[in-house]
C-alpha atoms as a PDB file:
ATOM      1  CA  MET A   1      -4.214  -8.159  29.789  1.00  0.00           C
ATOM      2  CA  HIS A   2      -2.265  -5.035  30.826  1.00  0.00           C
ATOM      3  CA  ARG A   3      -4.004  -2.145  32.552  1.00  0.00           C
ATOM      4  CA  PHE A   4      -3.034   1.524  32.213  1.00  0.00           C
ATOM      5  CA  SER A   5      -4.287   4.704  33.875  1.00  0.00           C
ATOM      6  CA  SER A   6      -5.897   7.450  31.788  1.00  0.00           C
ATOM      7  CA  GLU A   7      -2.505   9.220  31.992  1.00  0.00           C
ATOM      8  CA  GLY A   8      -0.746   6.176  30.499  1.00  0.00           C
ATOM      9  CA  ALA A   9       0.910   4.812  33.664  1.00  0.00           C
ATOM     10  CA  PHE A  10       1.107   1.018  33.888  1.00  0.00           C
ATOM     11  CA  ARG A  11      -1.286  -0.247  36.595  1.00  0.00           C
ATOM     12  CA  GLY A  12      -0.501  -3.953  36.346  1.00  0.00           C
ATOM     13  CA  PRO A  13      -1.668  -7.102  34.578  1.00  0.00           C
ATOM     14  CA  VAL A  14      -4.832  -9.155  34.868  1.00  0.00           C
ATOM     15  CA  SER A  15      -4.176 -12.778  33.980  1.00  0.00           C
ATOM     16  CA  ARG A  16      -6.830 -14.483  31.857  1.00  0.00           C
ATOM     17  CA  ALA A  17      -6.292 -16.878  28.957  1.00  0.00           C
ATOM     18  CA  ASP A  18      -7.619 -15.984  25.502  1.00  0.00           C
ATOM     19  CA  VAL A  19      -9.389 -12.664  26.229  1.00  0.00           C
ATOM     20  CA  CYS A  20     -11.252 -11.834  23.014  1.00  0.00           C
ATOM     21  CA  GLY A  21     -13.612  -8.964  23.777  1.00  0.00           C
ATOM     22  CA  LEU A  22     -13.475  -6.042  26.166  1.00  0.00           C
ATOM     23  CA  ALA A  23     -16.204  -3.499  26.944  1.00  0.00           C
ATOM     24  CA  PRO A  24     -16.639  -0.822  29.628  1.00  0.00           C
ATOM     25  CA  ARG A  25     -18.949  -1.396  32.602  1.00  0.00           C
ATOM     26  CA  ALA A  26     -20.017   1.061  35.277  1.00  0.00           C
ATOM     27  CA  ASP A  27     -17.559  -0.494  37.756  1.00  0.00           C
ATOM     28  CA  GLY A  28     -14.789  -1.716  35.427  1.00  0.00           C
ATOM     29  CA  PHE A  29     -14.836  -3.858  32.299  1.00  0.00           C
ATOM     30  CA  LEU A  30     -16.551  -6.899  30.863  1.00  0.00           C
ATOM     31  CA  ALA A  31     -14.303  -9.386  29.086  1.00  0.00           C
ATOM     32  CA  SER A  32     -15.151 -12.424  27.001  1.00  0.00           C
ATOM     33  CA  ASP A  33     -12.799 -15.290  26.248  1.00  0.00           C
ATOM     34  CA  GLY A  34     -12.497 -17.838  23.480  1.00  0.00           C
ATOM     35  CA  PHE A  35     -13.820 -20.570  25.786  1.00  0.00           C
ATOM     36  CA  GLY A  36     -17.298 -19.033  26.229  1.00  0.00           C
ATOM     37  CA  GLY A  37     -16.504 -17.223  29.480  1.00  0.00           C
ATOM     38  CA  LEU A  38     -17.788 -13.808  30.550  1.00  0.00           C
ATOM     39  CA  ILE A  39     -15.609 -12.108  33.140  1.00  0.00           C
ATOM     40  CA  ALA A  40     -16.025  -8.923  35.215  1.00  0.00           C
ATOM     41  CA  LEU A  41     -12.745  -7.007  35.549  1.00  0.00           C
ATOM     42  CA  ARG A  42     -12.578  -4.561  38.429  1.00  0.00           C
ATOM     43  CA  ASP A  43      -9.622  -3.024  40.290  1.00  0.00           C
ATOM     44  CA  GLY A  44      -7.169  -5.571  38.902  1.00  0.00           C
ATOM     45  CA  THR A  45      -9.241  -8.654  39.700  1.00  0.00           C
ATOM     46  CA  ALA A  46     -11.169 -10.979  37.410  1.00  0.00           C
ATOM     47  CA  ALA A  47     -14.478 -12.491  38.562  1.00  0.00           C
ATOM     48  CA  PRO A  48     -16.243 -15.102  36.402  1.00  0.00           C
ATOM     49  CA  LEU A  49     -19.829 -14.153  35.526  1.00  0.00           C
ATOM     50  CA  GLY A  50     -20.749 -17.233  33.547  1.00  0.00           C
ATOM     51  CA  ARG A  51     -19.777 -19.623  30.808  1.00  0.00           C
ATOM     52  CA  MET A  52     -21.683 -20.338  27.625  1.00  0.00           C
ATOM     53  CA  GLN A  53     -21.508 -23.432  25.451  1.00  0.00           C
ATOM     54  CA  CYS A  54     -19.997 -21.432  22.602  1.00  0.00           C
ATOM     55  CA  ALA A  55     -16.817 -19.606  21.695  1.00  0.00           C
ATOM     56  CA  TRP A  56     -16.768 -15.807  21.496  1.00  0.00           C
ATOM     57  CA  ASP A  57     -15.037 -13.817  18.795  1.00  0.00           C
ATOM     58  CA  ASN A  58     -13.288 -10.543  19.503  1.00  0.00           C
ATOM     59  CA  HIS A  59     -16.274  -8.158  19.685  1.00  0.00           C
ATOM     60  CA  LEU A  60     -18.595  -7.051  22.474  1.00  0.00           C
ATOM     61  CA  VAL A  61     -21.386  -4.649  21.555  1.00  0.00           C
ATOM     62  CA  PRO A  62     -23.729  -2.988  24.067  1.00  0.00           C
ATOM     63  CA  VAL A  63     -27.417  -3.599  23.388  1.00  0.00           C
END
């Protein structure tokens, strides 16, 4: 996944296979992958939050 500033400047990549969903968080982003993973993305780093026994599609919706 490539990251850009609000002005459009390239800020660098975050490597993660099969990112499907992306949603804003207070301190970065939440990503889901096609392998059931939930990942916190913050300042160019990816931290696993958990893994479910299912595969996600490409949507994350706040509830």
